[in-house]
Amino acid sequence: MNEFPARKLRIGTRSSPMALAQVDQVSALLRKVEPKIDIEVVPVTTEADKWQGDLAQLGGKGLYVKEIDTMLQRGSVDCAVHCLKDVPGDQPMPKGLIFAAYLQRDDVRDVLLFPEGSKYRTLADLPSGAQVATSAVRRKAQVNRIRPDLNVVRVRGAVGTRIEKLDGKRKMDTKIDAMILARAGLERLGVSERARQVFEVLDMLPAVGAGVLGVECRKEDDPVVHLLSQLNHDRTMTEVTAERVMLHGLRGHCNSPIAGHCVTDPDGQLSLRGMVFSRDGSKFVHAQFWGESLNDPAVLGSRVAAELLRQGARDIITGIPH
């Protein structure tokens, strides 16, 4: 093991409780590799965090990562921790930056929460016309496929804030009957007991990169690249490569109604499912392929993207505002 040079490691991150919890997770792993490391957390409240409207109007979820990437390029921080599902798939990596590590993937599944004291336990229990809150077009489309009689409403903000809105502790324009969030996020915040129904992947396909934290740094910063690479989880990197090649092939941005999930079967064979939805879930295309003899994640991602495009994915995506 090469010792990390005697310098401070500055980690750039969003300032939300979730983002800070993710940095704590990375810091703990780094200290296992390098017990004496001096870590400084540099929190930033991004423009996207301050914006209360529809993120699509501002330019999409990619804005969460853009400001921190700029700090990294300028040398204000040494590395950054990103939720991979927030990293756009329709743009190349920012100049001079690489993901040196993908942490082992957490649970990718979405879960359904209800207000404190609610008698409901599952999506099926909700009466027609009930209000289900989510921030993701992908989730909205899939709920509309299962229960077109429900009213899916948009909710934004940090996860803790969203749960307060659900419980009526923060003002909302409308009363919310249920809310969909990522299980991994609830676990990182220590509130996983709020989940009532867990959606299996077959019922609600996750976002590309769901449950994965990526640690990014400058390509030329050899000591940091070496340090971070020791945290990399090879299987996660392989699966994420397939998903993100598919996303890139579809020219998908963070507001695109695209879902994709790659798994490694017990025999080592890769399998990738991809779906593209219209905003209301009335139209969708679906494709699944296996890695076969090459088992190359990039080839697999390209094949699934090509099949979705052949089925008309482009027209569905362009119907959604960027």
C-alpha atoms as a PDB file:
ATOM      1  CA  MET A   1       0.000   0.000   0.000  1.00  0.00           C
ATOM      2  CA  ASN A   2       1.389   3.402  -0.975  1.00  0.00           C
ATOM      3  CA  GLU A   3       0.870   5.939   1.770  1.00  0.00           C
ATOM      4  CA  PHE A   4      -1.174   8.954   0.753  1.00  0.00           C
ATOM      5  CA  PRO A   5       1.109  12.009   0.804  1.00  0.00           C
ATOM      6  CA  ALA A   6       0.973  14.250   3.864  1.00  0.00           C
ATOM      7  CA  ARG A   7      -1.702  16.577   2.492  1.00  0.00           C
ATOM      8  CA  LYS A   8      -5.308  17.250   3.276  1.00  0.00           C
ATOM      9  CA  LEU A   9      -7.923  15.496   1.115  1.00  0.00           C
ATOM     10  CA  ARG A  10     -10.707  17.983   0.375  1.00  0.00           C
ATOM     11  CA  ILE A  11     -13.987  16.303  -0.568  1.00  0.00           C
ATOM     12  CA  GLY A  12     -16.563  18.408  -2.427  1.00  0.00           C
ATOM     13  CA  THR A  13     -20.225  17.608  -1.833  1.00  0.00           C
ATOM     14  CA  ARG A  14     -23.714  19.043  -1.817  1.00  0.00           C
ATOM     15  CA  SER A  15     -24.715  20.328   1.611  1.00  0.00           C
ATOM     16  CA  SER A  16     -27.886  18.233   2.036  1.00  0.00           C
ATOM     17  CA  PRO A  17     -28.036  15.736   4.943  1.00  0.00           C
ATOM     18  CA  MET A  18     -28.100  12.872   2.396  1.00  0.00           C
ATOM     19  CA  ALA A  19     -24.988  14.114   0.576  1.00  0.00           C
ATOM     20  CA  LEU A  20     -23.122  14.615   3.861  1.00  0.00           C
ATOM     21  CA  ALA A  21     -24.098  11.092   4.981  1.00  0.00           C
ATOM     22  CA  GLN A  22     -22.672   9.769   1.699  1.00  0.00           C
ATOM     23  CA  VAL A  23     -19.384  11.615   2.302  1.00  0.00           C
ATOM     24  CA  ASP A  24     -19.233  10.102   5.807  1.00  0.00           C
ATOM     25  CA  GLN A  25     -19.563   6.670   4.198  1.00  0.00           C
ATOM     26  CA  VAL A  26     -16.702   7.389   1.764  1.00  0.00           C
ATOM     27  CA  SER A  27     -14.543   8.948   4.511  1.00  0.00           C
ATOM     28  CA  ALA A  28     -14.941   5.842   6.700  1.00  0.00           C
ATOM     29  CA  LEU A  29     -13.809   3.624   3.817  1.00  0.00           C
ATOM     30  CA  LEU A  30     -10.840   5.903   3.095  1.00  0.00           C
ATOM     31  CA  ARG A  31      -9.742   5.740   6.745  1.00  0.00           C
ATOM     32  CA  LYS A  32      -9.689   1.931   6.537  1.00  0.00           C
ATOM     33  CA  VAL A  33      -7.252   2.230   3.621  1.00  0.00           C
ATOM     34  CA  GLU A  34      -5.276   5.159   5.054  1.00  0.00           C
ATOM     35  CA  PRO A  35      -5.901   5.458   8.841  1.00  0.00           C
ATOM     36  CA  LYS A  36      -4.014   8.760   9.278  1.00  0.00           C
ATOM     37  CA  ILE A  37      -5.632  10.586   6.371  1.00  0.00           C
ATOM     38  CA  ASP A  38      -6.665  14.208   7.006  1.00  0.00           C
ATOM     39  CA  ILE A  39     -10.083  14.781   5.387  1.00  0.00           C
ATOM     40  CA  GLU A  40     -11.795  18.136   4.958  1.00  0.00           C
ATOM     41  CA  VAL A  41     -15.417  18.140   3.800  1.00  0.00           C
ATOM     42  CA  VAL A  42     -16.286  21.126   1.558  1.00  0.00           C
ATOM     43  CA  PRO A  43     -20.098  21.434   1.366  1.00  0.00           C
ATOM     44  CA  VAL A  44     -21.744  23.488  -1.392  1.00  0.00           C
ATOM     45  CA  THR A  45     -25.376  24.546  -1.792  1.00  0.00           C
ATOM     46  CA  THR A  46     -25.797  24.284  -5.561  1.00  0.00           C
ATOM     47  CA  GLU A  47     -28.118  26.353  -7.731  1.00  0.00           C
ATOM     48  CA  ALA A  48     -30.275  23.236  -8.206  1.00  0.00           C
ATOM     49  CA  ASP A  49     -30.623  22.853  -4.417  1.00  0.00           C
ATOM     50  CA  LYS A  50     -31.881  26.452  -4.124  1.00  0.00           C
ATOM     51  CA  TRP A  51     -34.334  26.168  -7.032  1.00  0.00           C
ATOM     52  CA  GLN A  52     -37.877  25.321  -5.941  1.00  0.00           C
ATOM     53  CA  GLY A  53     -39.453  24.871  -9.379  1.00  0.00           C
ATOM     54  CA  ASP A  54     -39.258  22.069 -11.931  1.00  0.00           C
ATOM     55  CA  LEU A  55     -35.598  21.152 -12.403  1.00  0.00           C
ATOM     56  CA  ALA A  56     -36.178  20.614 -16.128  1.00  0.00           C
ATOM     57  CA  GLN A  57     -36.698  24.391 -16.491  1.00  0.00           C
ATOM     58  CA  LEU A  58     -33.300  25.027 -14.910  1.00  0.00           C
ATOM     59  CA  GLY A  59     -31.444  22.453 -17.005  1.00  0.00           C
ATOM     60  CA  GLY A  60     -31.978  19.192 -15.152  1.00  0.00           C
ATOM     61  CA  LYS A  61     -30.540  17.216 -12.283  1.00  0.00           C
ATOM     62  CA  GLY A  62     -27.073  17.429 -13.838  1.00  0.00           C
ATOM     63  CA  LEU A  63     -26.816  20.865 -12.182  1.00  0.00           C
ATOM     64  CA  TYR A  64     -26.398  19.095  -8.839  1.00  0.00           C
ATOM     65  CA  VAL A  65     -23.021  17.807 -10.000  1.00  0.00           C
ATOM     66  CA  LYS A  66     -21.959  20.603 -12.378  1.00  0.00           C
ATOM     67  CA  GLU A  67     -20.922  23.194  -9.767  1.00  0.00           C
ATOM     68  CA  ILE A  68     -18.940  20.655  -7.762  1.00  0.00           C
ATOM     69  CA  ASP A  69     -17.235  19.390 -10.931  1.00  0.00           C
ATOM     70  CA  THR A  70     -16.156  22.963 -11.698  1.00  0.00           C
ATOM     71  CA  MET A  71     -14.615  23.255  -8.210  1.00  0.00           C
ATOM     72  CA  LEU A  72     -12.782  19.995  -8.851  1.00  0.00           C
ATOM     73  CA  GLN A  73     -11.451  21.212 -12.202  1.00  0.00           C
ATOM     74  CA  ARG A  74     -10.239  24.454 -10.582  1.00  0.00           C
ATOM     75  CA  GLY A  75      -8.471  22.581  -7.783  1.00  0.00           C
ATOM     76  CA  SER A  76     -10.692  23.942  -4.985  1.00  0.00           C
ATOM     77  CA  VAL A  77     -11.380  20.332  -3.913  1.00  0.00           C
ATOM     78  CA  ASP A  78      -9.506  17.062  -4.547  1.00  0.00           C
ATOM     79  CA  CYS A  79     -12.429  14.714  -5.104  1.00  0.00           C
ATOM     80  CA  ALA A  80     -16.232  14.673  -5.143  1.00  0.00           C
ATOM     81  CA  VAL A  81     -18.894  12.153  -4.172  1.00  0.00           C
ATOM     82  CA  HIS A  82     -21.867  11.890  -6.542  1.00  0.00           C
ATOM     83  CA  CYS A  83     -25.013   9.765  -6.678  1.00  0.00           C
ATOM     84  CA  LEU A  84     -24.439   8.190 -10.062  1.00  0.00           C
ATOM     85  CA  LYS A  85     -28.117   8.470 -11.002  1.00  0.00           C
ATOM     86  CA  ASP A  86     -27.697  12.286 -10.923  1.00  0.00           C
ATOM     87  CA  VAL A  87     -24.811  12.255 -13.428  1.00  0.00           C
ATOM     88  CA  PRO A  88     -26.082  13.043 -16.977  1.00  0.00           C
ATOM     89  CA  GLY A  89     -25.707  10.370 -19.637  1.00  0.00           C
ATOM     90  CA  ASP A  90     -25.961  12.662 -22.673  1.00  0.00           C
ATOM     91  CA  GLN A  91     -22.726  14.563 -21.998  1.00  0.00           C
ATOM     92  CA  PRO A  92     -19.078  13.457 -21.903  1.00  0.00           C
ATOM     93  CA  MET A  93     -17.223  13.527 -18.588  1.00  0.00           C
ATOM     94  CA  PRO A  94     -16.053  17.056 -17.711  1.00  0.00           C
ATOM     95  CA  LYS A  95     -12.564  17.760 -19.086  1.00  0.00           C
ATOM     96  CA  GLY A  96      -9.791  16.278 -16.968  1.00  0.00           C
ATOM     97  CA  LEU A  97     -12.092  14.405 -14.557  1.00  0.00           C
ATOM     98  CA  ILE A  98     -12.613  10.660 -14.020  1.00  0.00           C
ATOM     99  CA  PHE A  99     -14.535   8.414 -11.682  1.00  0.00           C
ATOM    100  CA  ALA A 100     -11.727   6.672  -9.809  1.00  0.00           C
ATOM    101  CA  ALA A 101     -14.091   4.513  -7.755  1.00  0.00           C
ATOM    102  CA  TYR A 102     -17.623   3.169  -7.723  1.00  0.00           C
ATOM    103  CA  LEU A 103     -18.628   1.930  -4.274  1.00  0.00           C
ATOM    104  CA  GLN A 104     -20.398  -1.391  -3.913  1.00  0.00           C
ATOM    105  CA  ARG A 105     -23.985  -0.889  -4.944  1.00  0.00           C
ATOM    106  CA  ASP A 106     -26.683  -0.411  -2.310  1.00  0.00           C
ATOM    107  CA  ASP A 107     -30.293  -1.587  -2.646  1.00  0.00           C
ATOM    108  CA  VAL A 108     -31.655  -0.254  -5.962  1.00  0.00           C
ATOM    109  CA  ARG A 109     -35.340  -0.642  -5.137  1.00  0.00           C
ATOM    110  CA  ASP A 110     -37.917   2.097  -4.692  1.00  0.00           C
ATOM    111  CA  VAL A 111     -40.227   2.092  -1.692  1.00  0.00           C
ATOM    112  CA  LEU A 112     -43.646   3.507  -0.828  1.00  0.00           C
ATOM    113  CA  LEU A 113     -44.123   5.617   2.298  1.00  0.00           C
ATOM    114  CA  PHE A 114     -47.361   6.778   3.922  1.00  0.00           C
ATOM    115  CA  PRO A 115     -48.056   9.623   6.361  1.00  0.00           C
ATOM    116  CA  GLU A 116     -47.647   8.805  10.041  1.00  0.00           C
ATOM    117  CA  GLY A 117     -50.807   7.040  11.236  1.00  0.00           C
ATOM    118  CA  SER A 118     -52.039   6.137   7.728  1.00  0.00           C
ATOM    119  CA  LYS A 119     -54.097   2.951   7.466  1.00  0.00           C
ATOM    120  CA  TYR A 120     -52.677   2.163   4.017  1.00  0.00           C
ATOM    121  CA  ARG A 121     -49.806  -0.267   3.465  1.00  0.00           C
ATOM    122  CA  THR A 122     -49.439  -0.721  -0.313  1.00  0.00           C
ATOM    123  CA  LEU A 123     -50.114   1.049  -3.604  1.00  0.00           C
ATOM    124  CA  ALA A 124     -53.061  -1.311  -4.150  1.00  0.00           C
ATOM    125  CA  ASP A 125     -54.688  -0.070  -0.902  1.00  0.00           C
ATOM    126  CA  LEU A 126     -54.929   3.540  -2.114  1.00  0.00           C
ATOM    127  CA  PRO A 127     -58.363   4.723  -3.264  1.00  0.00           C
ATOM    128  CA  SER A 128     -58.867   6.061  -6.766  1.00  0.00           C
ATOM    129  CA  GLY A 129     -57.721   9.684  -7.066  1.00  0.00           C
ATOM    130  CA  ALA A 130     -55.253   9.436  -4.161  1.00  0.00           C
ATOM    131  CA  GLN A 131     -52.185  11.721  -4.386  1.00  0.00           C
ATOM    132  CA  VAL A 132     -48.815   9.964  -4.758  1.00  0.00           C
ATOM    133  CA  ALA A 133     -45.749  12.212  -4.581  1.00  0.00           C
ATOM    134  CA  THR A 134     -42.459  11.644  -6.435  1.00  0.00           C
ATOM    135  CA  SER A 135     -39.756  13.763  -8.047  1.00  0.00           C
ATOM    136  CA  ALA A 136     -38.965  11.304 -10.876  1.00  0.00           C
ATOM    137  CA  VAL A 137     -40.634  11.034 -14.284  1.00  0.00           C
ATOM    138  CA  ARG A 138     -39.457   7.402 -14.316  1.00  0.00           C
ATOM    139  CA  ARG A 139     -41.461   6.616 -11.173  1.00  0.00           C
ATOM    140  CA  LYS A 140     -44.489   8.637 -12.269  1.00  0.00           C
ATOM    141  CA  ALA A 141     -44.651   6.742 -15.570  1.00  0.00           C
ATOM    142  CA  GLN A 142     -44.422   3.361 -13.846  1.00  0.00           C
ATOM    143  CA  VAL A 143     -47.056   4.237 -11.217  1.00  0.00           C
ATOM    144  CA  ASN A 144     -49.360   5.404 -14.026  1.00  0.00           C
ATOM    145  CA  ARG A 145     -48.876   2.039 -15.739  1.00  0.00           C
ATOM    146  CA  ILE A 146     -49.888   0.130 -12.598  1.00  0.00           C
ATOM    147  CA  ARG A 147     -52.546   2.527 -11.252  1.00  0.00           C
ATOM    148  CA  PRO A 148     -53.632   5.055 -13.896  1.00  0.00           C
ATOM    149  CA  ASP A 149     -56.435   6.176 -11.550  1.00  0.00           C
ATOM    150  CA  LEU A 150     -53.980   7.713  -9.049  1.00  0.00           C
ATOM    151  CA  ASN A 151     -52.873  11.345  -9.183  1.00  0.00           C
ATOM    152  CA  VAL A 152     -49.047  11.553  -9.242  1.00  0.00           C
ATOM    153  CA  VAL A 153     -47.778  14.916  -7.966  1.00  0.00           C
ATOM    154  CA  ARG A 154     -44.264  16.368  -8.039  1.00  0.00           C
ATOM    155  CA  VAL A 155     -42.329  16.890  -4.822  1.00  0.00           C
ATOM    156  CA  ARG A 156     -38.789  18.223  -4.434  1.00  0.00           C
ATOM    157  CA  GLY A 157     -36.324  18.945  -1.670  1.00  0.00           C
ATOM    158  CA  ALA A 158     -34.063  16.910   0.582  1.00  0.00           C
ATOM    159  CA  VAL A 159     -35.426  13.494   1.579  1.00  0.00           C
ATOM    160  CA  GLY A 160     -35.990  14.567   5.196  1.00  0.00           C
ATOM    161  CA  THR A 161     -37.930  17.620   3.981  1.00  0.00           C
ATOM    162  CA  ARG A 162     -40.034  15.455   1.667  1.00  0.00           C
ATOM    163  CA  ILE A 163     -40.953  13.128   4.534  1.00  0.00           C
ATOM    164  CA  GLU A 164     -41.986  16.158   6.626  1.00  0.00           C
ATOM    165  CA  LYS A 165     -44.222  17.256   3.723  1.00  0.00           C
ATOM    166  CA  LEU A 166     -45.731  13.759   3.629  1.00  0.00           C
ATOM    167  CA  ASP A 167     -46.459  13.909   7.370  1.00  0.00           C
ATOM    168  CA  GLY A 168     -48.022  17.384   7.013  1.00  0.00           C
ATOM    169  CA  LYS A 169     -45.232  19.047   9.012  1.00  0.00           C
ATOM    170  CA  ARG A 170     -44.335  21.293   6.066  1.00  0.00           C
ATOM    171  CA  LYS A 171     -46.690  23.221   3.834  1.00  0.00           C
ATOM    172  CA  MET A 172     -47.768  21.629   0.563  1.00  0.00           C
ATOM    173  CA  ASP A 173     -50.359  22.837  -1.938  1.00  0.00           C
ATOM    174  CA  THR A 174     -52.121  19.515  -1.627  1.00  0.00           C
ATOM    175  CA  LYS A 175     -52.422  16.712   0.921  1.00  0.00           C
ATOM    176  CA  ILE A 176     -50.207  13.743   0.012  1.00  0.00           C
ATOM    177  CA  ASP A 177     -51.496  10.202   0.525  1.00  0.00           C
ATOM    178  CA  ALA A 178     -48.245   8.377  -0.288  1.00  0.00           C
ATOM    179  CA  MET A 179     -44.700   9.043  -1.480  1.00  0.00           C
ATOM    180  CA  ILE A 180     -42.097   7.070  -3.433  1.00  0.00           C
ATOM    181  CA  LEU A 181     -38.426   7.305  -2.467  1.00  0.00           C
ATOM    182  CA  ALA A 182     -35.275   5.243  -2.949  1.00  0.00           C
ATOM    183  CA  ARG A 183     -34.665   2.625  -0.275  1.00  0.00           C
ATOM    184  CA  ALA A 184     -30.902   3.286  -0.341  1.00  0.00           C
ATOM    185  CA  GLY A 185     -31.473   6.936   0.557  1.00  0.00           C
ATOM    186  CA  LEU A 186     -33.680   6.061   3.536  1.00  0.00           C
ATOM    187  CA  GLU A 187     -31.029   3.621   4.750  1.00  0.00           C
ATOM    188  CA  ARG A 188     -28.251   6.236   4.459  1.00  0.00           C
ATOM    189  CA  LEU A 189     -30.337   8.618   6.579  1.00  0.00           C
ATOM    190  CA  GLY A 190     -31.276   5.926   9.103  1.00  0.00           C
ATOM    191  CA  VAL A 191     -35.040   6.136   8.462  1.00  0.00           C
ATOM    192  CA  SER A 192     -35.614   2.900   6.503  1.00  0.00           C
ATOM    193  CA  GLU A 193     -38.393   1.887   8.941  1.00  0.00           C
ATOM    194  CA  ARG A 194     -40.656   4.433   7.166  1.00  0.00           C
ATOM    195  CA  ALA A 195     -40.831   2.205   4.058  1.00  0.00           C
ATOM    196  CA  ARG A 196     -44.113   0.277   3.895  1.00  0.00           C
ATOM    197  CA  GLN A 197     -44.027  -1.362   0.454  1.00  0.00           C
ATOM    198  CA  VAL A 198     -40.839  -2.320  -1.355  1.00  0.00           C
ATOM    199  CA  PHE A 199     -41.255  -2.352  -5.150  1.00  0.00           C
ATOM    200  CA  GLU A 200     -39.410  -5.260  -6.717  1.00  0.00           C
ATOM    201  CA  VAL A 201     -37.275  -4.402  -9.749  1.00  0.00           C
ATOM    202  CA  LEU A 202     -39.699  -6.188 -12.092  1.00  0.00           C
ATOM    203  CA  ASP A 203     -42.517  -3.874 -10.908  1.00  0.00           C
ATOM    204  CA  MET A 204     -40.528  -0.625 -10.867  1.00  0.00           C
ATOM    205  CA  LEU A 205     -37.303  -0.623 -12.845  1.00  0.00           C
ATOM    206  CA  PRO A 206     -34.689   1.622 -11.180  1.00  0.00           C
ATOM    207  CA  ALA A 207     -32.863   4.617 -12.592  1.00  0.00           C
ATOM    208  CA  VAL A 208     -29.539   4.037 -14.340  1.00  0.00           C
ATOM    209  CA  GLY A 209     -26.848   4.044 -11.630  1.00  0.00           C
ATOM    210  CA  ALA A 210     -29.381   3.634  -8.804  1.00  0.00           C
ATOM    211  CA  GLY A 211     -27.820   2.855  -5.428  1.00  0.00           C
ATOM    212  CA  VAL A 212     -24.280   3.664  -6.599  1.00  0.00           C
ATOM    213  CA  LEU A 213     -21.954   6.340  -5.243  1.00  0.00           C
ATOM    214  CA  GLY A 214     -19.164   7.420  -7.592  1.00  0.00           C
ATOM    215  CA  VAL A 215     -16.020   9.163  -6.352  1.00  0.00           C
ATOM    216  CA  GLU A 216     -14.591  11.562  -8.910  1.00  0.00           C
ATOM    217  CA  CYS A 217     -11.194  13.269  -9.099  1.00  0.00           C
ATOM    218  CA  ARG A 218      -8.758  14.907 -11.513  1.00  0.00           C
ATOM    219  CA  LYS A 219      -7.230  12.407 -13.917  1.00  0.00           C
ATOM    220  CA  GLU A 220      -3.739  13.885 -13.476  1.00  0.00           C
ATOM    221  CA  ASP A 221      -3.806  13.732  -9.653  1.00  0.00           C
ATOM    222  CA  ASP A 222      -2.025  10.365  -9.356  1.00  0.00           C
ATOM    223  CA  PRO A 223      -1.953  10.137  -5.519  1.00  0.00           C
ATOM    224  CA  VAL A 224      -5.723  10.738  -5.273  1.00  0.00           C
ATOM    225  CA  VAL A 225      -6.497   8.419  -8.209  1.00  0.00           C
ATOM    226  CA  HIS A 226      -4.452   5.661  -6.513  1.00  0.00           C
ATOM    227  CA  LEU A 227      -6.082   6.251  -3.123  1.00  0.00           C
ATOM    228  CA  LEU A 228      -9.652   6.268  -4.449  1.00  0.00           C
ATOM    229  CA  SER A 229      -9.138   3.299  -6.779  1.00  0.00           C
ATOM    230  CA  GLN A 230      -8.696   1.130  -3.684  1.00  0.00           C
ATOM    231  CA  LEU A 231     -12.378   1.730  -2.893  1.00  0.00           C
ATOM    232  CA  ASN A 232     -13.570   0.602  -6.338  1.00  0.00           C
ATOM    233  CA  HIS A 233     -15.973  -2.361  -6.504  1.00  0.00           C
ATOM    234  CA  ASP A 234     -15.317  -4.170  -9.788  1.00  0.00           C
ATOM    235  CA  ARG A 235     -18.707  -5.825 -10.198  1.00  0.00           C
ATOM    236  CA  THR A 236     -20.532  -2.541  -9.588  1.00  0.00           C
ATOM    237  CA  MET A 237     -18.261  -0.783 -12.096  1.00  0.00           C
ATOM    238  CA  THR A 238     -19.023  -3.422 -14.738  1.00  0.00           C
ATOM    239  CA  GLU A 239     -22.787  -3.251 -14.218  1.00  0.00           C
ATOM    240  CA  VAL A 240     -22.828   0.554 -14.149  1.00  0.00           C
ATOM    241  CA  THR A 241     -20.785   0.662 -17.368  1.00  0.00           C
ATOM    242  CA  ALA A 242     -23.491  -1.342 -19.181  1.00  0.00           C
ATOM    243  CA  GLU A 243     -26.257   0.905 -17.830  1.00  0.00           C
ATOM    244  CA  ARG A 244     -24.502   4.180 -18.631  1.00  0.00           C
ATOM    245  CA  VAL A 245     -23.502   3.087 -22.154  1.00  0.00           C
ATOM    246  CA  MET A 246     -27.205   2.353 -22.732  1.00  0.00           C
ATOM    247  CA  LEU A 247     -28.156   5.786 -21.313  1.00  0.00           C
ATOM    248  CA  HIS A 248     -25.552   7.494 -23.492  1.00  0.00           C
ATOM    249  CA  GLY A 249     -26.778   5.612 -26.580  1.00  0.00           C
ATOM    250  CA  LEU A 250     -30.298   6.878 -25.890  1.00  0.00           C
ATOM    251  CA  ARG A 251     -28.898  10.409 -25.354  1.00  0.00           C
ATOM    252  CA  GLY A 252     -30.688  10.377 -22.035  1.00  0.00           C
ATOM    253  CA  HIS A 253     -30.498  13.232 -19.581  1.00  0.00           C
ATOM    254  CA  CYS A 254     -31.486  13.144 -15.917  1.00  0.00           C
ATOM    255  CA  ASN A 255     -35.098  14.123 -16.664  1.00  0.00           C
ATOM    256  CA  SER A 256     -35.512  11.453 -19.336  1.00  0.00           C
ATOM    257  CA  PRO A 257     -38.039   8.741 -18.492  1.00  0.00           C
ATOM    258  CA  ILE A 258     -35.364   6.044 -18.804  1.00  0.00           C
ATOM    259  CA  ALA A 259     -34.862   3.075 -16.489  1.00  0.00           C
ATOM    260  CA  GLY A 260     -32.064   0.537 -16.670  1.00  0.00           C
ATOM    261  CA  HIS A 261     -30.674  -2.166 -14.454  1.00  0.00           C
ATOM    262  CA  CYS A 262     -27.771  -4.539 -15.045  1.00  0.00           C
ATOM    263  CA  VAL A 263     -27.146  -7.597 -12.872  1.00  0.00           C
ATOM    264  CA  THR A 264     -24.469 -10.268 -12.807  1.00  0.00           C
ATOM    265  CA  ASP A 265     -25.974 -13.756 -12.785  1.00  0.00           C
ATOM    266  CA  PRO A 266     -24.406 -16.442 -10.532  1.00  0.00           C
ATOM    267  CA  ASP A 267     -22.467 -17.807 -13.537  1.00  0.00           C
ATOM    268  CA  GLY A 268     -20.936 -14.353 -14.181  1.00  0.00           C
ATOM    269  CA  GLN A 269     -23.202 -13.595 -17.144  1.00  0.00           C
ATOM    270  CA  LEU A 270     -24.347  -9.960 -17.399  1.00  0.00           C
ATOM    271  CA  SER A 271     -28.003  -9.153 -18.003  1.00  0.00           C
ATOM    272  CA  LEU A 272     -29.337  -5.654 -18.774  1.00  0.00           C
ATOM    273  CA  ARG A 273     -32.965  -4.519 -18.842  1.00  0.00           C
ATOM    274  CA  GLY A 274     -33.857  -1.105 -20.216  1.00  0.00           C
ATOM    275  CA  MET A 275     -37.135   0.787 -20.509  1.00  0.00           C
ATOM    276  CA  VAL A 276     -38.170   4.176 -21.881  1.00  0.00           C
ATOM    277  CA  PHE A 277     -41.545   5.686 -20.959  1.00  0.00           C
ATOM    278  CA  SER A 278     -43.716   8.572 -21.981  1.00  0.00           C
ATOM    279  CA  ARG A 279     -44.346  10.993 -19.105  1.00  0.00           C
ATOM    280  CA  ASP A 280     -47.803   9.550 -18.367  1.00  0.00           C
ATOM    281  CA  GLY A 281     -46.682   5.940 -18.755  1.00  0.00           C
ATOM    282  CA  SER A 282     -49.134   5.323 -21.617  1.00  0.00           C
ATOM    283  CA  LYS A 283     -46.311   4.473 -24.045  1.00  0.00           C
ATOM    284  CA  PHE A 284     -43.188   2.502 -23.250  1.00  0.00           C
ATOM    285  CA  VAL A 285     -40.561   0.314 -24.884  1.00  0.00           C
ATOM    286  CA  HIS A 286     -38.655  -2.487 -23.194  1.00  0.00           C
ATOM    287  CA  ALA A 287     -35.559  -4.549 -24.036  1.00  0.00           C
ATOM    288  CA  GLN A 288     -33.426  -7.110 -22.241  1.00  0.00           C
ATOM    289  CA  PHE A 289     -30.226  -8.795 -23.407  1.00  0.00           C
ATOM    290  CA  TRP A 290     -27.536 -10.996 -21.884  1.00  0.00           C
ATOM    291  CA  GLY A 291     -23.788 -10.519 -22.227  1.00  0.00           C
ATOM    292  CA  GLU A 292     -23.370 -13.822 -24.111  1.00  0.00           C
ATOM    293  CA  SER A 293     -19.873 -14.990 -25.057  1.00  0.00           C
ATOM    294  CA  LEU A 294     -18.157 -11.581 -25.005  1.00  0.00           C
ATOM    295  CA  ASN A 295     -19.871 -10.497 -21.775  1.00  0.00           C
ATOM    296  CA  ASP A 296     -18.618  -6.971 -22.495  1.00  0.00           C
ATOM    297  CA  PRO A 297     -20.662  -4.352 -20.569  1.00  0.00           C
ATOM    298  CA  ALA A 298     -20.196  -1.645 -23.218  1.00  0.00           C
ATOM    299  CA  VAL A 299     -21.344  -3.973 -26.020  1.00  0.00           C
ATOM    300  CA  LEU A 300     -24.329  -5.037 -23.903  1.00  0.00           C
ATOM    301  CA  GLY A 301     -25.324  -1.428 -23.186  1.00  0.00           C
ATOM    302  CA  SER A 302     -25.081  -0.552 -26.884  1.00  0.00           C
ATOM    303  CA  ARG A 303     -27.242  -3.532 -27.880  1.00  0.00           C
ATOM    304  CA  VAL A 304     -30.022  -2.642 -25.436  1.00  0.00           C
ATOM    305  CA  ALA A 305     -29.936   1.035 -26.508  1.00  0.00           C
ATOM    306  CA  ALA A 306     -30.100   0.042 -30.192  1.00  0.00           C
ATOM    307  CA  GLU A 307     -33.091  -2.222 -29.577  1.00  0.00           C
ATOM    308  CA  LEU A 308     -34.951   0.478 -27.609  1.00  0.00           C
ATOM    309  CA  LEU A 309     -34.251   2.994 -30.393  1.00  0.00           C
ATOM    310  CA  ARG A 310     -35.496   0.483 -32.968  1.00  0.00           C
ATOM    311  CA  GLN A 311     -38.767   0.296 -30.999  1.00  0.00           C
ATOM    312  CA  GLY A 312     -39.182   4.101 -31.058  1.00  0.00           C
ATOM    313  CA  ALA A 313     -37.475   5.267 -27.839  1.00  0.00           C
ATOM    314  CA  ARG A 314     -36.175   8.470 -29.451  1.00  0.00           C
ATOM    315  CA  ASP A 315     -39.690   9.771 -30.214  1.00  0.00           C
ATOM    316  CA  ILE A 316     -40.770   9.029 -26.659  1.00  0.00           C
ATOM    317  CA  ILE A 317     -37.733  10.810 -25.148  1.00  0.00           C
ATOM    318  CA  THR A 318     -38.031  13.885 -27.370  1.00  0.00           C
ATOM    319  CA  GLY A 319     -41.605  14.271 -26.163  1.00  0.00           C
ATOM    320  CA  ILE A 320     -40.167  15.147 -22.727  1.00  0.00           C
ATOM    321  CA  PRO A 321     -38.752  18.657 -22.207  1.00  0.00           C
ATOM    322  CA  HIS A 322     -35.011  18.679 -21.372  1.00  0.00           C
END
